[in-house]
Structures are given as structure tokens and as C-alpha cells.
Amino acid sequence: MDSNEEIDDIYYMSIRIGVEKRAAELGYNILKMTSDVNNIPDDVEGILAIGKFDDTSVNEIAKLHKNVVFIGTNYPLNGFYTINGDFSQATEIALAHLINQGYKKWGL
């Protein structure tokens, strides 16, 4: 995902910021790459691919390094490690909370 796409999708930007913050707390170095992924330094130990990727992009990213984790790609990635949110469960929890609080009219 390039910088302009990330600005348009605050969800993925907030994931990246969270990853960067936690990595810094743990003493890891993060190299942010958005467009020139073909020049990955040799000492990079893995790739976190954050965002929406089509099948072609997934395969291209997978060729770059043996250690790749996809975060937020919303279709099954057989053979790859993935991290995805369960939006259905999150919606059910949020609605149950509102119902338990007695709310009957909601706006979206």
C-alpha cells in the first residue's frame, strides 16, 4: 500500500503506526517501504505487508522474502501467515453492548 492509499484508509495507517510503536518498544528496527520493494536490504529478517493486496501483489511480495506476514488482506491466503480482524464478531459485541445499555435507536 503506498502512502497516498494509506492516508485514504486510516484503518491500515493506524495498524502500521501501532506496529511501529510496539516494534520500537521492543527494540526492533522497522524499515517502511511503500513503493520500491525491489530494493529490500539483505539484512531484513521479514516483511509485514499491511493493507489490501490482490492475488498478483501477494505473489510478488512473497517472492521478496521467505518470512512474510500479511495483515488485513481480506481473503484466504493459503500458504501464508495472515492476521485479520473478525469484523462480524466485533459487530455482534458492539450491538450486544448497545442493547444491554438499553439503546433502541442507533445512527450509523
N, C-alpha and C. Protein backbone atom coordinates (compact mmCIF):
# COMPACT_ATOMS: atom_id res chain seq x y z
N MET A 1 0.86 -1.16 0.00
CA MET A 1 0.00 0.00 0.00
C MET A 1 0.91 1.23 0.00
N ASP A 2 0.68 2.14 -0.93
CA ASP A 2 1.53 3.33 -0.95
C ASP A 2 1.01 4.38 0.01
N SER A 3 1.79 5.45 0.22
CA SER A 3 1.47 6.46 1.22
C SER A 3 0.13 7.14 0.97
N ASN A 4 -0.19 7.42 -0.29
CA ASN A 4 -1.46 8.07 -0.60
C ASN A 4 -2.65 7.17 -0.29
N GLU A 5 -2.53 5.89 -0.63
CA GLU A 5 -3.61 4.94 -0.31
C GLU A 5 -3.78 4.83 1.20
N GLU A 6 -2.67 4.84 1.92
CA GLU A 6 -2.74 4.72 3.37
C GLU A 6 -3.45 5.91 3.99
N ILE A 7 -3.20 7.10 3.49
CA ILE A 7 -3.86 8.30 4.02
C ILE A 7 -5.36 8.19 3.81
N ASP A 8 -5.78 7.60 2.69
CA ASP A 8 -7.20 7.42 2.41
C ASP A 8 -7.83 6.33 3.26
N ASP A 9 -7.03 5.47 3.85
CA ASP A 9 -7.57 4.39 4.66
C ASP A 9 -6.90 4.41 6.03
N ILE A 10 -7.48 5.17 6.93
CA ILE A 10 -6.92 5.37 8.26
C ILE A 10 -6.80 4.06 9.05
N TYR A 11 -7.61 3.08 8.71
CA TYR A 11 -7.55 1.78 9.39
C TYR A 11 -6.16 1.17 9.25
N TYR A 12 -5.67 1.10 8.02
CA TYR A 12 -4.35 0.49 7.80
C TYR A 12 -3.22 1.38 8.31
N MET A 13 -3.41 2.69 8.24
CA MET A 13 -2.39 3.59 8.77
C MET A 13 -2.27 3.40 10.28
N SER A 14 -3.39 3.24 10.97
CA SER A 14 -3.33 3.05 12.42
C SER A 14 -2.69 1.70 12.77
N ILE A 15 -2.90 0.68 11.96
CA ILE A 15 -2.23 -0.60 12.19
C ILE A 15 -0.72 -0.41 12.05
N ARG A 16 -0.29 0.27 10.98
CA ARG A 16 1.13 0.49 10.77
C ARG A 16 1.75 1.27 11.92
N ILE A 17 1.08 2.32 12.36
CA ILE A 17 1.60 3.12 13.47
C ILE A 17 1.71 2.27 14.73
N GLY A 18 0.71 1.43 14.98
CA GLY A 18 0.77 0.54 16.14
C GLY A 18 1.91 -0.45 16.06
N VAL A 19 2.14 -1.00 14.88
CA VAL A 19 3.25 -1.94 14.67
C VAL A 19 4.58 -1.22 14.92
N GLU A 20 4.73 -0.03 14.34
CA GLU A 20 5.97 0.72 14.51
C GLU A 20 6.23 1.07 15.98
N LYS A 21 5.17 1.47 16.68
CA LYS A 21 5.32 1.84 18.09
C LYS A 21 5.74 0.63 18.93
N ARG A 22 5.07 -0.48 18.74
CA ARG A 22 5.39 -1.68 19.53
C ARG A 22 6.78 -2.22 19.18
N ALA A 23 7.13 -2.18 17.91
CA ALA A 23 8.46 -2.63 17.50
C ALA A 23 9.54 -1.78 18.16
N ALA A 24 9.32 -0.47 18.21
CA ALA A 24 10.29 0.42 18.86
C ALA A 24 10.40 0.10 20.34
N GLU A 25 9.27 -0.16 21.00
CA GLU A 25 9.28 -0.51 22.42
C GLU A 25 10.08 -1.79 22.67
N LEU A 26 10.04 -2.70 21.72
CA LEU A 26 10.75 -3.98 21.85
C LEU A 26 12.18 -3.95 21.31
N GLY A 27 12.57 -2.79 20.77
CA GLY A 27 13.93 -2.64 20.28
C GLY A 27 14.16 -3.13 18.86
N TYR A 28 13.10 -3.31 18.10
CA TYR A 28 13.23 -3.73 16.71
C TYR A 28 13.33 -2.52 15.80
N ASN A 29 14.04 -2.67 14.71
CA ASN A 29 14.12 -1.64 13.68
C ASN A 29 13.13 -1.95 12.59
N ILE A 30 12.37 -0.95 12.18
CA ILE A 30 11.38 -1.11 11.13
C ILE A 30 11.81 -0.24 9.95
N LEU A 31 11.79 -0.81 8.77
CA LEU A 31 12.06 -0.09 7.54
C LEU A 31 10.74 -0.01 6.79
N LYS A 32 10.20 1.20 6.67
CA LYS A 32 8.92 1.36 5.97
C LYS A 32 9.19 1.47 4.48
N MET A 33 8.55 0.58 3.73
CA MET A 33 8.69 0.58 2.28
C MET A 33 7.30 0.56 1.67
N THR A 34 7.04 1.48 0.75
CA THR A 34 5.71 1.52 0.16
C THR A 34 5.71 1.28 -1.33
N SER A 35 6.75 1.67 -2.03
CA SER A 35 6.68 1.51 -3.48
C SER A 35 7.89 0.79 -4.07
N ASP A 36 9.08 1.04 -3.58
CA ASP A 36 10.27 0.44 -4.17
C ASP A 36 10.67 -0.81 -3.40
N VAL A 37 9.80 -1.81 -3.42
CA VAL A 37 10.04 -3.02 -2.64
C VAL A 37 11.08 -3.93 -3.25
N ASN A 38 11.52 -3.63 -4.44
CA ASN A 38 12.54 -4.48 -5.07
C ASN A 38 13.94 -4.18 -4.56
N ASN A 39 14.09 -3.18 -3.72
CA ASN A 39 15.40 -2.83 -3.16
C ASN A 39 15.44 -3.08 -1.65
N ILE A 40 14.95 -4.23 -1.23
CA ILE A 40 14.96 -4.58 0.18
C ILE A 40 16.39 -4.93 0.59
N PRO A 41 16.89 -4.31 1.65
CA PRO A 41 18.25 -4.64 2.11
C PRO A 41 18.38 -6.12 2.48
N ASP A 42 19.58 -6.64 2.33
CA ASP A 42 19.83 -8.06 2.60
C ASP A 42 19.62 -8.45 4.06
N ASP A 43 19.77 -7.50 4.99
CA ASP A 43 19.68 -7.84 6.40
C ASP A 43 18.25 -7.80 6.96
N VAL A 44 17.25 -7.56 6.11
CA VAL A 44 15.86 -7.57 6.56
C VAL A 44 15.48 -9.01 6.89
N GLU A 45 14.90 -9.20 8.08
CA GLU A 45 14.57 -10.55 8.54
C GLU A 45 13.16 -10.99 8.21
N GLY A 46 12.32 -10.07 7.78
CA GLY A 46 10.96 -10.43 7.43
C GLY A 46 10.19 -9.23 6.92
N ILE A 47 9.01 -9.49 6.40
CA ILE A 47 8.15 -8.44 5.85
C ILE A 47 6.78 -8.54 6.49
N LEU A 48 6.27 -7.41 6.94
CA LEU A 48 4.87 -7.28 7.35
C LEU A 48 4.19 -6.50 6.23
N ALA A 49 3.31 -7.13 5.50
CA ALA A 49 2.59 -6.49 4.41
C ALA A 49 1.23 -6.07 4.93
N ILE A 50 1.04 -4.77 5.14
CA ILE A 50 -0.18 -4.25 5.75
C ILE A 50 -1.03 -3.60 4.67
N GLY A 51 -2.26 -4.08 4.53
CA GLY A 51 -3.19 -3.47 3.58
C GLY A 51 -3.94 -4.51 2.76
N LYS A 52 -4.60 -4.00 1.74
CA LYS A 52 -5.38 -4.85 0.84
C LYS A 52 -4.49 -5.18 -0.35
N PHE A 53 -4.33 -6.46 -0.62
CA PHE A 53 -3.50 -6.90 -1.73
C PHE A 53 -4.28 -7.88 -2.58
N ASP A 54 -4.15 -7.74 -3.89
CA ASP A 54 -4.76 -8.72 -4.78
C ASP A 54 -3.82 -9.91 -4.92
N ASP A 55 -4.29 -10.93 -5.59
CA ASP A 55 -3.54 -12.18 -5.72
C ASP A 55 -2.17 -11.95 -6.37
N THR A 56 -2.12 -11.11 -7.38
CA THR A 56 -0.85 -10.82 -8.06
C THR A 56 0.13 -10.16 -7.11
N SER A 57 -0.32 -9.18 -6.35
CA SER A 57 0.55 -8.48 -5.39
C SER A 57 1.04 -9.42 -4.30
N VAL A 58 0.16 -10.29 -3.81
CA VAL A 58 0.55 -11.26 -2.78
C VAL A 58 1.69 -12.13 -3.30
N ASN A 59 1.55 -12.62 -4.50
CA ASN A 59 2.59 -13.48 -5.06
C ASN A 59 3.90 -12.74 -5.28
N GLU A 60 3.83 -11.47 -5.69
CA GLU A 60 5.04 -10.67 -5.89
C GLU A 60 5.74 -10.41 -4.55
N ILE A 61 4.96 -10.07 -3.53
CA ILE A 61 5.53 -9.82 -2.21
C ILE A 61 6.16 -11.09 -1.65
N ALA A 62 5.50 -12.21 -1.85
CA ALA A 62 6.00 -13.48 -1.34
C ALA A 62 7.34 -13.87 -1.97
N LYS A 63 7.60 -13.40 -3.16
CA LYS A 63 8.88 -13.68 -3.82
C LYS A 63 10.03 -12.88 -3.21
N LEU A 64 9.71 -11.81 -2.50
CA LEU A 64 10.74 -10.91 -1.98
C LEU A 64 11.47 -11.46 -0.77
N HIS A 65 10.77 -12.30 0.01
CA HIS A 65 11.38 -12.79 1.25
C HIS A 65 10.65 -14.06 1.68
N LYS A 66 11.36 -14.94 2.38
CA LYS A 66 10.71 -16.18 2.84
C LYS A 66 9.84 -15.95 4.07
N ASN A 67 10.07 -14.87 4.82
CA ASN A 67 9.30 -14.57 6.03
C ASN A 67 8.37 -13.39 5.76
N VAL A 68 7.13 -13.69 5.41
CA VAL A 68 6.14 -12.65 5.11
C VAL A 68 4.88 -12.93 5.92
N VAL A 69 4.34 -11.87 6.52
CA VAL A 69 3.04 -11.94 7.19
C VAL A 69 2.16 -10.86 6.58
N PHE A 70 0.97 -11.24 6.14
CA PHE A 70 0.02 -10.29 5.57
C PHE A 70 -0.97 -9.88 6.65
N ILE A 71 -1.14 -8.57 6.82
CA ILE A 71 -2.06 -8.03 7.82
C ILE A 71 -3.16 -7.28 7.11
N GLY A 72 -4.39 -7.75 7.25
CA GLY A 72 -5.54 -7.04 6.72
C GLY A 72 -5.96 -7.42 5.32
N THR A 73 -5.30 -8.35 4.70
CA THR A 73 -5.75 -8.82 3.39
C THR A 73 -6.94 -9.72 3.63
N ASN A 74 -8.07 -9.38 3.04
CA ASN A 74 -9.34 -9.98 3.45
C ASN A 74 -9.81 -11.15 2.60
N TYR A 75 -8.91 -11.97 2.16
CA TYR A 75 -9.31 -13.22 1.53
C TYR A 75 -8.30 -14.28 1.93
N PRO A 76 -8.68 -15.53 1.87
CA PRO A 76 -7.77 -16.59 2.33
C PRO A 76 -6.46 -16.58 1.55
N LEU A 77 -5.37 -16.66 2.29
CA LEU A 77 -4.03 -16.69 1.70
C LEU A 77 -3.40 -18.02 2.04
N ASN A 78 -3.77 -19.04 1.32
CA ASN A 78 -3.23 -20.37 1.58
C ASN A 78 -1.73 -20.37 1.45
N GLY A 79 -1.08 -20.88 2.48
CA GLY A 79 0.37 -20.97 2.45
C GLY A 79 1.08 -19.76 3.02
N PHE A 80 0.34 -18.74 3.45
CA PHE A 80 0.95 -17.54 4.01
C PHE A 80 0.40 -17.30 5.41
N TYR A 81 1.21 -16.68 6.25
CA TYR A 81 0.73 -16.26 7.56
C TYR A 81 -0.08 -14.99 7.37
N THR A 82 -1.22 -14.92 8.06
CA THR A 82 -2.09 -13.75 7.94
C THR A 82 -2.64 -13.35 9.31
N ILE A 83 -2.92 -12.07 9.45
CA ILE A 83 -3.59 -11.54 10.64
C ILE A 83 -4.75 -10.70 10.13
N ASN A 84 -5.95 -11.05 10.55
CA ASN A 84 -7.15 -10.34 10.12
C ASN A 84 -8.08 -10.15 11.29
N GLY A 85 -8.82 -9.05 11.26
CA GLY A 85 -9.83 -8.80 12.28
C GLY A 85 -11.10 -9.57 11.99
N ASP A 86 -11.83 -9.90 13.03
CA ASP A 86 -13.11 -10.57 12.87
C ASP A 86 -14.19 -9.50 13.01
N PHE A 87 -14.54 -8.86 11.90
CA PHE A 87 -15.49 -7.75 11.93
C PHE A 87 -16.90 -8.21 12.29
N SER A 88 -17.25 -9.43 11.94
CA SER A 88 -18.57 -9.94 12.31
C SER A 88 -18.70 -10.05 13.82
N GLN A 89 -17.68 -10.62 14.45
CA GLN A 89 -17.71 -10.75 15.90
C GLN A 89 -17.68 -9.38 16.57
N ALA A 90 -16.87 -8.47 16.07
CA ALA A 90 -16.79 -7.13 16.64
C ALA A 90 -18.15 -6.43 16.56
N THR A 91 -18.85 -6.61 15.44
CA THR A 91 -20.18 -6.01 15.27
C THR A 91 -21.16 -6.60 16.27
N GLU A 92 -21.13 -7.92 16.43
CA GLU A 92 -22.03 -8.57 17.39
C GLU A 92 -21.77 -8.08 18.81
N ILE A 93 -20.52 -7.94 19.19
CA ILE A 93 -20.18 -7.47 20.54
C ILE A 93 -20.66 -6.04 20.73
N ALA A 94 -20.43 -5.19 19.74
CA ALA A 94 -20.86 -3.78 19.84
C ALA A 94 -22.37 -3.68 19.94
N LEU A 95 -23.09 -4.43 19.11
CA LEU A 95 -24.56 -4.39 19.15
C LEU A 95 -25.09 -4.93 20.47
N ALA A 96 -24.52 -6.01 20.97
CA ALA A 96 -24.95 -6.57 22.25
C ALA A 96 -24.74 -5.56 23.37
N HIS A 97 -23.63 -4.84 23.33
CA HIS A 97 -23.36 -3.82 24.35
C HIS A 97 -24.42 -2.72 24.30
N LEU A 98 -24.75 -2.23 23.09
CA LEU A 98 -25.76 -1.19 22.96
C LEU A 98 -27.13 -1.67 23.45
N ILE A 99 -27.48 -2.90 23.10
CA ILE A 99 -28.77 -3.47 23.53
C ILE A 99 -28.79 -3.59 25.05
N ASN A 100 -27.70 -4.08 25.64
CA ASN A 100 -27.63 -4.23 27.10
C ASN A 100 -27.69 -2.89 27.82
N GLN A 101 -27.26 -1.83 27.16
CA GLN A 101 -27.32 -0.49 27.75
C GLN A 101 -28.70 0.14 27.57
N GLY A 102 -29.58 -0.54 26.84
CA GLY A 102 -30.95 -0.06 26.68
C GLY A 102 -31.18 0.83 25.47
N TYR A 103 -30.19 0.99 24.62
CA TYR A 103 -30.36 1.84 23.44
C TYR A 103 -31.26 1.14 22.43
N LYS A 104 -32.19 1.92 21.84
CA LYS A 104 -33.11 1.37 20.86
C LYS A 104 -33.00 2.05 19.50
N LYS A 105 -32.41 3.25 19.44
CA LYS A 105 -32.25 3.99 18.18
C LYS A 105 -30.76 4.26 18.00
N TRP A 106 -30.25 3.83 16.87
CA TRP A 106 -28.82 3.99 16.58
C TRP A 106 -28.64 4.71 15.26
N GLY A 107 -27.57 5.43 15.15
CA GLY A 107 -27.20 6.06 13.89
C GLY A 107 -25.88 5.50 13.39
N LEU A 108 -25.75 5.41 12.12
CA LEU A 108 -24.51 4.94 11.51
C LEU A 108 -23.98 5.98 10.58
